[in-house]
Each structure stands twice: as structure tokens, then as C-alpha cells.
Amino acid sequence: MWRSVSGKKSKSYIDLVNDELIGRGLLAEPLSESELWQITDIHVYNGKGISIGELRSQLESHELLSVRAYSFFGTMYSTCRPRSSGKRIA
């Protein structure tokens, strides 16, 4: 409702992330949505996981600041019990 009355557009998730990264001095200019997902949303399709050691060897001129698995944010979907009907929702 506020957007309709004020004419102001609320910022997207991507805008907010860029604002935070620029504010911390980590970026000089905003990244596109595609660029942000390329560097932040790493998926593993071979089941082996991501080797932090391999990443370090490939990025020796960079400093690793933080590593978190999705489980850092709560219970992993893969460890949840099925619903009482026995069906799992995808």
C-alpha cells in the first residue's frame, strides 16, 4: 500500500545484498543477479561436496572469511521425517 501511495519502489533482495556489500567496501559497483548467484549459491551435483582445500589452492590470493552449510540455517530437508501419509513434498 505504501508503494502505491508514495510511488516508491521497494528494493529487491538483490538490491539489498548489493547495498550491503558496497556498504562494507566489498564491491565498488553492484553485481547483476546472475553474477551474485554465480559466486554465492554453490550446488554440488556429484555427491562429493565442495573441497575447501581445493578452493583455497585455486584462490590463493584471496582470504576465506566464512564457510557455512545450508544446515547452518536450520534442519536440512534430507533429515526431515516423512509426513504421516508417507509422502514427501518436493
PDB file of N, CA and C in Angstrom:
ATOM      1  N   MET A   1       0.825  -1.175   0.000  1.00  0.00           N
ATOM      2  CA  MET A   1       0.000   0.000   0.000  1.00  0.00           C
ATOM      3  C   MET A   1       0.881   1.255   0.000  1.00  0.00           C
ATOM      4  N   TRP A   2       1.957   1.248   0.830  1.00  0.00           N
ATOM      5  CA  TRP A   2       2.843   2.400   0.893  1.00  0.00           C
ATOM      6  C   TRP A   2       3.452   2.699  -0.478  1.00  0.00           C
ATOM      7  N   ARG A   3       3.820   1.640  -1.220  1.00  0.00           N
ATOM      8  CA  ARG A   3       4.394   1.851  -2.547  1.00  0.00           C
ATOM      9  C   ARG A   3       3.400   2.538  -3.468  1.00  0.00           C
ATOM     10  N   SER A   4       2.142   2.142  -3.378  1.00  0.00           N
ATOM     11  CA  SER A   4       1.118   2.743  -4.226  1.00  0.00           C
ATOM     12  C   SER A   4       0.930   4.216  -3.903  1.00  0.00           C
ATOM     13  N   VAL A   5       0.906   4.564  -2.625  1.00  0.00           N
ATOM     14  CA  VAL A   5       0.671   5.939  -2.197  1.00  0.00           C
ATOM     15  C   VAL A   5       1.900   6.817  -2.437  1.00  0.00           C
ATOM     16  N   SER A   6       3.076   6.297  -2.080  1.00  0.00           N
ATOM     17  CA  SER A   6       4.293   7.113  -2.153  1.00  0.00           C
ATOM     18  C   SER A   6       4.934   7.114  -3.540  1.00  0.00           C
ATOM     19  N   GLY A   7       4.625   6.097  -4.324  1.00  0.00           N
ATOM     20  CA  GLY A   7       5.260   5.978  -5.634  1.00  0.00           C
ATOM     21  C   GLY A   7       6.662   5.398  -5.565  1.00  0.00           C
ATOM     22  N   LYS A   8       7.113   5.058  -4.353  1.00  0.00           N
ATOM     23  CA  LYS A   8       8.451   4.495  -4.181  1.00  0.00           C
ATOM     24  C   LYS A   8       8.419   2.986  -4.414  1.00  0.00           C
ATOM     25  N   LYS A   9       9.411   2.524  -5.109  1.00  0.00           N
ATOM     26  CA  LYS A   9       9.547   1.096  -5.350  1.00  0.00           C
ATOM     27  C   LYS A   9      10.421   0.498  -4.249  1.00  0.00           C
ATOM     28  N   SER A  10       9.971  -0.602  -3.657  1.00  0.00           N
ATOM     29  CA  SER A  10      10.797  -1.237  -2.630  1.00  0.00           C
ATOM     30  C   SER A  10      11.969  -1.955  -3.302  1.00  0.00           C
ATOM     31  N   LYS A  11      13.040  -2.081  -2.560  1.00  0.00           N
ATOM     32  CA  LYS A  11      14.233  -2.714  -3.104  1.00  0.00           C
ATOM     33  C   LYS A  11      14.068  -4.228  -3.124  1.00  0.00           C
ATOM     34  N   SER A  12      14.640  -4.834  -4.141  1.00  0.00           N
ATOM     35  CA  SER A  12      14.616  -6.286  -4.255  1.00  0.00           C
ATOM     36  C   SER A  12      15.686  -6.886  -3.340  1.00  0.00           C
ATOM     37  N   TYR A  13      15.636  -8.189  -3.187  1.00  0.00           N
ATOM     38  CA  TYR A  13      16.650  -8.917  -2.422  1.00  0.00           C
ATOM     39  C   TYR A  13      18.034  -8.640  -2.996  1.00  0.00           C
ATOM     40  N   ILE A  14      18.144  -8.636  -4.313  1.00  0.00           N
ATOM     41  CA  ILE A  14      19.425  -8.401  -4.977  1.00  0.00           C
ATOM     42  C   ILE A  14      19.924  -6.985  -4.680  1.00  0.00           C
ATOM     43  N   ASP A  15      19.016  -6.006  -4.727  1.00  0.00           N
ATOM     44  CA  ASP A  15      19.393  -4.624  -4.395  1.00  0.00           C
ATOM     45  C   ASP A  15      19.923  -4.522  -2.972  1.00  0.00           C
ATOM     46  N   LEU A  16      19.249  -5.193  -2.041  1.00  0.00           N
ATOM     47  CA  LEU A  16      19.666  -5.142  -0.639  1.00  0.00           C
ATOM     48  C   LEU A  16      21.025  -5.799  -0.422  1.00  0.00           C
ATOM     49  N   VAL A  17      21.264  -6.918  -1.101  1.00  0.00           N
ATOM     50  CA  VAL A  17      22.558  -7.594  -0.987  1.00  0.00           C
ATOM     51  C   VAL A  17      23.652  -6.692  -1.545  1.00  0.00           C
ATOM     52  N   ASN A  18      23.412  -6.111  -2.726  1.00  0.00           N
ATOM     53  CA  ASN A  18      24.405  -5.202  -3.313  1.00  0.00           C
ATOM     54  C   ASN A  18      24.667  -4.010  -2.394  1.00  0.00           C
ATOM     55  N   ASP A  19      23.616  -3.433  -1.832  1.00  0.00           N
ATOM     56  CA  ASP A  19      23.785  -2.307  -0.910  1.00  0.00           C
ATOM     57  C   ASP A  19      24.685  -2.687   0.270  1.00  0.00           C
ATOM     58  N   GLU A  20      24.458  -3.868   0.821  1.00  0.00           N
ATOM     59  CA  GLU A  20      25.243  -4.334   1.966  1.00  0.00           C
ATOM     60  C   GLU A  20      26.708  -4.545   1.578  1.00  0.00           C
ATOM     61  N   LEU A  21      26.935  -5.184   0.434  1.00  0.00           N
ATOM     62  CA  LEU A  21      28.310  -5.451   0.003  1.00  0.00           C
ATOM     63  C   LEU A  21      29.059  -4.172  -0.348  1.00  0.00           C
ATOM     64  N   ILE A  22      28.378  -3.234  -0.976  1.00  0.00           N
ATOM     65  CA  ILE A  22      29.002  -1.946  -1.296  1.00  0.00           C
ATOM     66  C   ILE A  22      29.266  -1.164  -0.011  1.00  0.00           C
ATOM     67  N   GLY A  23      28.294  -1.188   0.907  1.00  0.00           N
ATOM     68  CA  GLY A  23      28.451  -0.501   2.185  1.00  0.00           C
ATOM     69  C   GLY A  23      29.619  -1.023   3.005  1.00  0.00           C
ATOM     70  N   ARG A  24      29.924  -2.299   2.881  1.00  0.00           N
ATOM     71  CA  ARG A  24      31.050  -2.893   3.606  1.00  0.00           C
ATOM     72  C   ARG A  24      32.374  -2.732   2.858  1.00  0.00           C
ATOM     73  N   GLY A  25      32.301  -2.128   1.685  1.00  0.00           N
ATOM     74  CA  GLY A  25      33.518  -1.918   0.898  1.00  0.00           C
ATOM     75  C   GLY A  25      33.982  -3.148   0.146  1.00  0.00           C
ATOM     76  N   LEU A  26      33.122  -4.153  -0.004  1.00  0.00           N
ATOM     77  CA  LEU A  26      33.494  -5.379  -0.699  1.00  0.00           C
ATOM     78  C   LEU A  26      33.266  -5.287  -2.201  1.00  0.00           C
ATOM     79  N   LEU A  27      32.412  -4.360  -2.615  1.00  0.00           N
ATOM     80  CA  LEU A  27      32.162  -4.119  -4.038  1.00  0.00           C
ATOM     81  C   LEU A  27      32.280  -2.633  -4.314  1.00  0.00           C
ATOM     82  N   ALA A  28      32.726  -2.319  -5.519  1.00  0.00           N
ATOM     83  CA  ALA A  28      32.763  -0.914  -5.931  1.00  0.00           C
ATOM     84  C   ALA A  28      31.481  -0.539  -6.660  1.00  0.00           C
ATOM     85  N   GLU A  29      30.865  -1.526  -7.318  1.00  0.00           N
ATOM     86  CA  GLU A  29      29.617  -1.289  -8.049  1.00  0.00           C
ATOM     87  C   GLU A  29      28.740  -2.529  -7.940  1.00  0.00           C
ATOM     88  N   PRO A  30      27.440  -2.380  -8.117  1.00  0.00           N
ATOM     89  CA  PRO A  30      26.527  -3.517  -7.940  1.00  0.00           C
ATOM     90  C   PRO A  30      26.787  -4.644  -8.941  1.00  0.00           C
ATOM     91  N   LEU A  31      26.554  -5.867  -8.484  1.00  0.00           N
ATOM     92  CA  LEU A  31      26.611  -7.036  -9.351  1.00  0.00           C
ATOM     93  C   LEU A  31      25.212  -7.324  -9.879  1.00  0.00           C
ATOM     94  N   SER A  32      25.144  -7.979 -11.034  1.00  0.00           N
ATOM     95  CA  SER A  32      23.855  -8.400 -11.569  1.00  0.00           C
ATOM     96  C   SER A  32      23.352  -9.592 -10.749  1.00  0.00           C
ATOM     97  N   GLU A  33      22.089  -9.909 -10.898  1.00  0.00           N
ATOM     98  CA  GLU A  33      21.534 -11.068 -10.196  1.00  0.00           C
ATOM     99  C   GLU A  33      22.302 -12.325 -10.571  1.00  0.00           C
ATOM    100  N   SER A  34      22.587 -12.504 -11.843  1.00  0.00           N
ATOM    101  CA  SER A  34      23.333 -13.672 -12.310  1.00  0.00           C
ATOM    102  C   SER A  34      24.718 -13.737 -11.679  1.00  0.00           C
ATOM    103  N   GLU A  35      25.404 -12.610 -11.626  1.00  0.00           N
ATOM    104  CA  GLU A  35      26.742 -12.580 -11.026  1.00  0.00           C
ATOM    105  C   GLU A  35      26.695 -12.934  -9.546  1.00  0.00           C
ATOM    106  N   LEU A  36      25.708 -12.412  -8.827  1.00  0.00           N
ATOM    107  CA  LEU A  36      25.591 -12.731  -7.394  1.00  0.00           C
ATOM    108  C   LEU A  36      25.379 -14.220  -7.174  1.00  0.00           C
ATOM    109  N   TRP A  37      24.475 -14.826  -7.936  1.00  0.00           N
ATOM    110  CA  TRP A  37      24.209 -16.257  -7.739  1.00  0.00           C
ATOM    111  C   TRP A  37      25.405 -17.104  -8.134  1.00  0.00           C
ATOM    112  N   GLN A  38      26.168 -16.669  -9.119  1.00  0.00           N
ATOM    113  CA  GLN A  38      27.342 -17.434  -9.533  1.00  0.00           C
ATOM    114  C   GLN A  38      28.384 -17.536  -8.430  1.00  0.00           C
ATOM    115  N   ILE A  39      28.497 -16.519  -7.607  1.00  0.00           N
ATOM    116  CA  ILE A  39      29.546 -16.545  -6.578  1.00  0.00           C
ATOM    117  C   ILE A  39      29.037 -16.907  -5.191  1.00  0.00           C
ATOM    118  N   THR A  40      27.731 -17.021  -5.013  1.00  0.00           N
ATOM    119  CA  THR A  40      27.227 -17.275  -3.668  1.00  0.00           C
ATOM    120  C   THR A  40      26.415 -18.555  -3.520  1.00  0.00           C
ATOM    121  N   ASP A  41      25.852 -19.067  -4.580  1.00  0.00           N
ATOM    122  CA  ASP A  41      24.962 -20.222  -4.467  1.00  0.00           C
ATOM    123  C   ASP A  41      25.600 -21.417  -5.153  1.00  0.00           C
ATOM    124  N   ILE A  42      26.453 -22.103  -4.433  1.00  0.00           N
ATOM    125  CA  ILE A  42      27.212 -23.219  -4.993  1.00  0.00           C
ATOM    126  C   ILE A  42      26.434 -24.512  -4.763  1.00  0.00           C
ATOM    127  N   HIS A  43      26.148 -25.216  -5.841  1.00  0.00           N
ATOM    128  CA  HIS A  43      25.444 -26.501  -5.749  1.00  0.00           C
ATOM    129  C   HIS A  43      26.403 -27.632  -6.087  1.00  0.00           C
ATOM    130  N   VAL A  44      26.225 -28.749  -5.433  1.00  0.00           N
ATOM    131  CA  VAL A  44      27.065 -29.917  -5.670  1.00  0.00           C
ATOM    132  C   VAL A  44      26.200 -30.996  -6.303  1.00  0.00           C
ATOM    133  N   TYR A  45      26.560 -31.396  -7.502  1.00  0.00           N
ATOM    134  CA  TYR A  45      25.754 -32.372  -8.225  1.00  0.00           C
ATOM    135  C   TYR A  45      26.374 -33.761  -8.253  1.00  0.00           C
ATOM    136  N   ASN A  46      27.626 -33.890  -7.867  1.00  0.00           N
ATOM    137  CA  ASN A  46      28.279 -35.196  -7.939  1.00  0.00           C
ATOM    138  C   ASN A  46      28.244 -35.953  -6.613  1.00  0.00           C
ATOM    139  N   GLY A  47      27.666 -35.357  -5.579  1.00  0.00           N
ATOM    140  CA  GLY A  47      27.565 -36.027  -4.286  1.00  0.00           C
ATOM    141  C   GLY A  47      28.831 -36.000  -3.457  1.00  0.00           C
ATOM    142  N   LYS A  48      29.918 -35.446  -3.954  1.00  0.00           N
ATOM    143  CA  LYS A  48      31.183 -35.437  -3.238  1.00  0.00           C
ATOM    144  C   LYS A  48      31.355 -34.217  -2.348  1.00  0.00           C
ATOM    145  N   GLY A  49      30.586 -33.196  -2.582  1.00  0.00           N
ATOM    146  CA  GLY A  49      30.712 -31.994  -1.784  1.00  0.00           C
ATOM    147  C   GLY A  49      31.729 -31.031  -2.358  1.00  0.00           C
ATOM    148  N   ILE A  50      31.970 -29.969  -1.636  1.00  0.00           N
ATOM    149  CA  ILE A  50      32.896 -28.932  -2.067  1.00  0.00           C
ATOM    150  C   ILE A  50      34.151 -29.028  -1.219  1.00  0.00           C
ATOM    151  N   SER A  51      35.285 -29.055  -1.866  1.00  0.00           N
ATOM    152  CA  SER A  51      36.555 -29.142  -1.160  1.00  0.00           C
ATOM    153  C   SER A  51      37.054 -27.737  -0.842  1.00  0.00           C
ATOM    154  N   ILE A  52      37.039 -27.392   0.436  1.00  0.00           N
ATOM    155  CA  ILE A  52      37.546 -26.086   0.852  1.00  0.00           C
ATOM    156  C   ILE A  52      39.041 -25.992   0.529  1.00  0.00           C
ATOM    157  N   GLY A  53      39.753 -27.078   0.708  1.00  0.00           N
ATOM    158  CA  GLY A  53      41.181 -27.097   0.377  1.00  0.00           C
ATOM    159  C   GLY A  53      41.427 -26.826  -1.098  1.00  0.00           C
ATOM    160  N   GLU A  54      40.614 -27.404  -1.951  1.00  0.00           N
ATOM    161  CA  GLU A  54      40.754 -27.174  -3.393  1.00  0.00           C
ATOM    162  C   GLU A  54      40.438 -25.724  -3.739  1.00  0.00           C
ATOM    163  N   LEU A  55      39.396 -25.178  -3.132  1.00  0.00           N
ATOM    164  CA  LEU A  55      39.073 -23.765  -3.359  1.00  0.00           C
ATOM    165  C   LEU A  55      40.228 -22.870  -2.911  1.00  0.00           C
ATOM    166  N   ARG A  56      40.806 -23.176  -1.759  1.00  0.00           N
ATOM    167  CA  ARG A  56      41.944 -22.372  -1.276  1.00  0.00           C
ATOM    168  C   ARG A  56      43.115 -22.428  -2.255  1.00  0.00           C
ATOM    169  N   SER A  57      43.392 -23.615  -2.795  1.00  0.00           N
ATOM    170  CA  SER A  57      44.521 -23.730  -3.723  1.00  0.00           C
ATOM    171  C   SER A  57      44.250 -22.995  -5.033  1.00  0.00           C
ATOM    172  N   GLN A  58      43.005 -22.909  -5.435  1.00  0.00           N
ATOM    173  CA  GLN A  58      42.645 -22.203  -6.665  1.00  0.00           C
ATOM    174  C   GLN A  58      42.570 -20.697  -6.469  1.00  0.00           C
ATOM    175  N   LEU A  59      42.368 -20.265  -5.228  1.00  0.00           N
ATOM    176  CA  LEU A  59      42.184 -18.838  -4.927  1.00  0.00           C
ATOM    177  C   LEU A  59      43.198 -18.364  -3.890  1.00  0.00           C
ATOM    178  N   GLU A  60      44.453 -18.687  -4.110  1.00  0.00           N
ATOM    179  CA  GLU A  60      45.493 -18.392  -3.128  1.00  0.00           C
ATOM    180  C   GLU A  60      45.620 -16.913  -2.783  1.00  0.00           C
ATOM    181  N   SER A  61      45.282 -16.038  -3.705  1.00  0.00           N
ATOM    182  CA  SER A  61      45.427 -14.604  -3.436  1.00  0.00           C
ATOM    183  C   SER A  61      44.231 -14.034  -2.662  1.00  0.00           C
ATOM    184  N   HIS A  62      43.285 -14.886  -2.308  1.00  0.00           N
ATOM    185  CA  HIS A  62      42.097 -14.458  -1.578  1.00  0.00           C
ATOM    186  C   HIS A  62      42.079 -15.062  -0.173  1.00  0.00           C
ATOM    187  N   GLU A  63      41.375 -14.421   0.718  1.00  0.00           N
ATOM    188  CA  GLU A  63      41.252 -14.908   2.089  1.00  0.00           C
ATOM    189  C   GLU A  63      39.835 -15.442   2.316  1.00  0.00           C
ATOM    190  N   LEU A  64      39.718 -16.659   2.799  1.00  0.00           N
ATOM    191  CA  LEU A  64      38.422 -17.244   3.130  1.00  0.00           C
ATOM    192  C   LEU A  64      37.928 -16.628   4.431  1.00  0.00           C
ATOM    193  N   LEU A  65      36.787 -15.998   4.381  1.00  0.00           N
ATOM    194  CA  LEU A  65      36.251 -15.330   5.564  1.00  0.00           C
ATOM    195  C   LEU A  65      35.253 -16.189   6.319  1.00  0.00           C
ATOM    196  N   SER A  66      34.504 -17.024   5.613  1.00  0.00           N
ATOM    197  CA  SER A  66      33.442 -17.769   6.276  1.00  0.00           C
ATOM    198  C   SER A  66      32.996 -18.950   5.419  1.00  0.00           C
ATOM    199  N   VAL A  67      32.617 -20.035   6.075  1.00  0.00           N
ATOM    200  CA  VAL A  67      32.076 -21.201   5.388  1.00  0.00           C
ATOM    201  C   VAL A  67      30.879 -21.691   6.188  1.00  0.00           C
ATOM    202  N   ARG A  68      29.776 -21.894   5.509  1.00  0.00           N
ATOM    203  CA  ARG A  68      28.581 -22.428   6.177  1.00  0.00           C
ATOM    204  C   ARG A  68      27.868 -23.396   5.255  1.00  0.00           C
ATOM    205  N   ALA A  69      27.344 -24.457   5.813  1.00  0.00           N
ATOM    206  CA  ALA A  69      26.480 -25.360   5.063  1.00  0.00           C
ATOM    207  C   ALA A  69      25.049 -24.870   5.230  1.00  0.00           C
ATOM    208  N   TYR A  70      24.168 -25.319   4.353  1.00  0.00           N
ATOM    209  CA  TYR A  70      22.769 -24.928   4.489  1.00  0.00           C
ATOM    210  C   TYR A  70      22.221 -25.310   5.861  1.00  0.00           C
ATOM    211  N   SER A  71      22.758 -26.336   6.474  1.00  0.00           N
ATOM    212  CA  SER A  71      22.273 -26.756   7.788  1.00  0.00           C
ATOM    213  C   SER A  71      22.549 -25.702   8.861  1.00  0.00           C
ATOM    214  N   PHE A  72      23.442 -24.764   8.566  1.00  0.00           N
ATOM    215  CA  PHE A  72      23.691 -23.654   9.488  1.00  0.00           C
ATOM    216  C   PHE A  72      22.395 -22.892   9.779  1.00  0.00           C
ATOM    217  N   PHE A  73      21.490 -22.877   8.800  1.00  0.00           N
ATOM    218  CA  PHE A  73      20.252 -22.114   8.920  1.00  0.00           C
ATOM    219  C   PHE A  73      19.099 -22.914   9.511  1.00  0.00           C
ATOM    220  N   GLY A  74      19.301 -24.167   9.842  1.00  0.00           N
ATOM    221  CA  GLY A  74      18.234 -24.976  10.420  1.00  0.00           C
ATOM    222  C   GLY A  74      18.319 -26.421   9.951  1.00  0.00           C
ATOM    223  N   THR A  75      17.275 -27.161  10.210  1.00  0.00           N
ATOM    224  CA  THR A  75      17.228 -28.576   9.869  1.00  0.00           C
ATOM    225  C   THR A  75      17.269 -28.779   8.358  1.00  0.00           C
ATOM    226  N   MET A  76      18.105 -29.678   7.919  1.00  0.00           N
ATOM    227  CA  MET A  76      18.196 -29.987   6.497  1.00  0.00           C
ATOM    228  C   MET A  76      16.961 -30.779   6.067  1.00  0.00           C
ATOM    229  N   TYR A  77      16.471 -30.477   4.883  1.00  0.00           N
ATOM    230  CA  TYR A  77      15.309 -31.177   4.339  1.00  0.00           C
ATOM    231  C   TYR A  77      15.545 -32.685   4.307  1.00  0.00           C
ATOM    232  N   SER A  78      16.752 -33.087   3.944  1.00  0.00           N
ATOM    233  CA  SER A  78      17.069 -34.507   3.800  1.00  0.00           C
ATOM    234  C   SER A  78      16.991 -35.271   5.118  1.00  0.00           C
ATOM    235  N   THR A  79      17.015 -34.560   6.259  1.00  0.00           N
ATOM    236  CA  THR A  79      16.940 -35.253   7.548  1.00  0.00           C
ATOM    237  C   THR A  79      15.539 -35.205   8.163  1.00  0.00           C
ATOM    238  N   CYS A  80      14.605 -34.553   7.478  1.00  0.00           N
ATOM    239  CA  CYS A  80      13.232 -34.475   7.989  1.00  0.00           C
ATOM    240  C   CYS A  80      12.512 -35.807   7.783  1.00  0.00           C
ATOM    241  N   ARG A  81      11.674 -36.142   8.731  1.00  0.00           N
ATOM    242  CA  ARG A  81      10.887 -37.370   8.596  1.00  0.00           C
ATOM    243  C   ARG A  81       9.731 -37.133   7.631  1.00  0.00           C
ATOM    244  N   PRO A  82       9.304 -38.173   6.934  1.00  0.00           N
ATOM    245  CA  PRO A  82       8.173 -38.024   6.022  1.00  0.00           C
ATOM    246  C   PRO A  82       6.899 -37.664   6.791  1.00  0.00           C
ATOM    247  N   ARG A  83       5.945 -37.072   6.105  1.00  0.00           N
ATOM    248  CA  ARG A  83       4.645 -36.796   6.718  1.00  0.00           C
ATOM    249  C   ARG A  83       3.977 -38.114   7.062  1.00  0.00           C
ATOM    250  N   SER A  84       2.969 -38.061   7.874  1.00  0.00           N
ATOM    251  CA  SER A  84       2.291 -39.283   8.332  1.00  0.00           C
ATOM    252  C   SER A  84       1.718 -40.084   7.145  1.00  0.00           C
ATOM    253  N   SER A  85       1.398 -39.433   6.028  1.00  0.00           N
ATOM    254  CA  SER A  85       0.862 -40.144   4.860  1.00  0.00           C
ATOM    255  C   SER A  85       1.950 -40.938   4.156  1.00  0.00           C
ATOM    256  N   GLY A  86       3.198 -40.686   4.556  1.00  0.00           N
ATOM    257  CA  GLY A  86       4.312 -41.383   3.928  1.00  0.00           C
ATOM    258  C   GLY A  86       4.826 -40.679   2.682  1.00  0.00           C
ATOM    259  N   LYS A  87       4.133 -39.643   2.250  1.00  0.00           N
ATOM    260  CA  LYS A  87       4.552 -38.923   1.058  1.00  0.00           C
ATOM    261  C   LYS A  87       5.418 -37.737   1.460  1.00  0.00           C
ATOM    262  N   ARG A  88       6.435 -37.499   0.691  1.00  0.00           N
ATOM    263  CA  ARG A  88       7.300 -36.335   0.911  1.00  0.00           C
ATOM    264  C   ARG A  88       6.946 -35.280  -0.118  1.00  0.00           C
ATOM    265  N   ILE A  89       6.939 -34.076   0.306  1.00  0.00           N
ATOM    266  CA  ILE A  89       6.642 -32.978  -0.599  1.00  0.00           C
ATOM    267  C   ILE A  89       7.941 -32.443  -1.159  1.00  0.00           C
ATOM    268  N   ALA A  90       7.998 -32.313  -2.454  1.00  0.00           N
ATOM    269  CA  ALA A  90       9.226 -31.822  -3.109  1.00  0.00           C
ATOM    270  C   ALA A  90       9.265 -30.324  -3.074  1.00  0.00           C
TER     271      ALA A  90
END
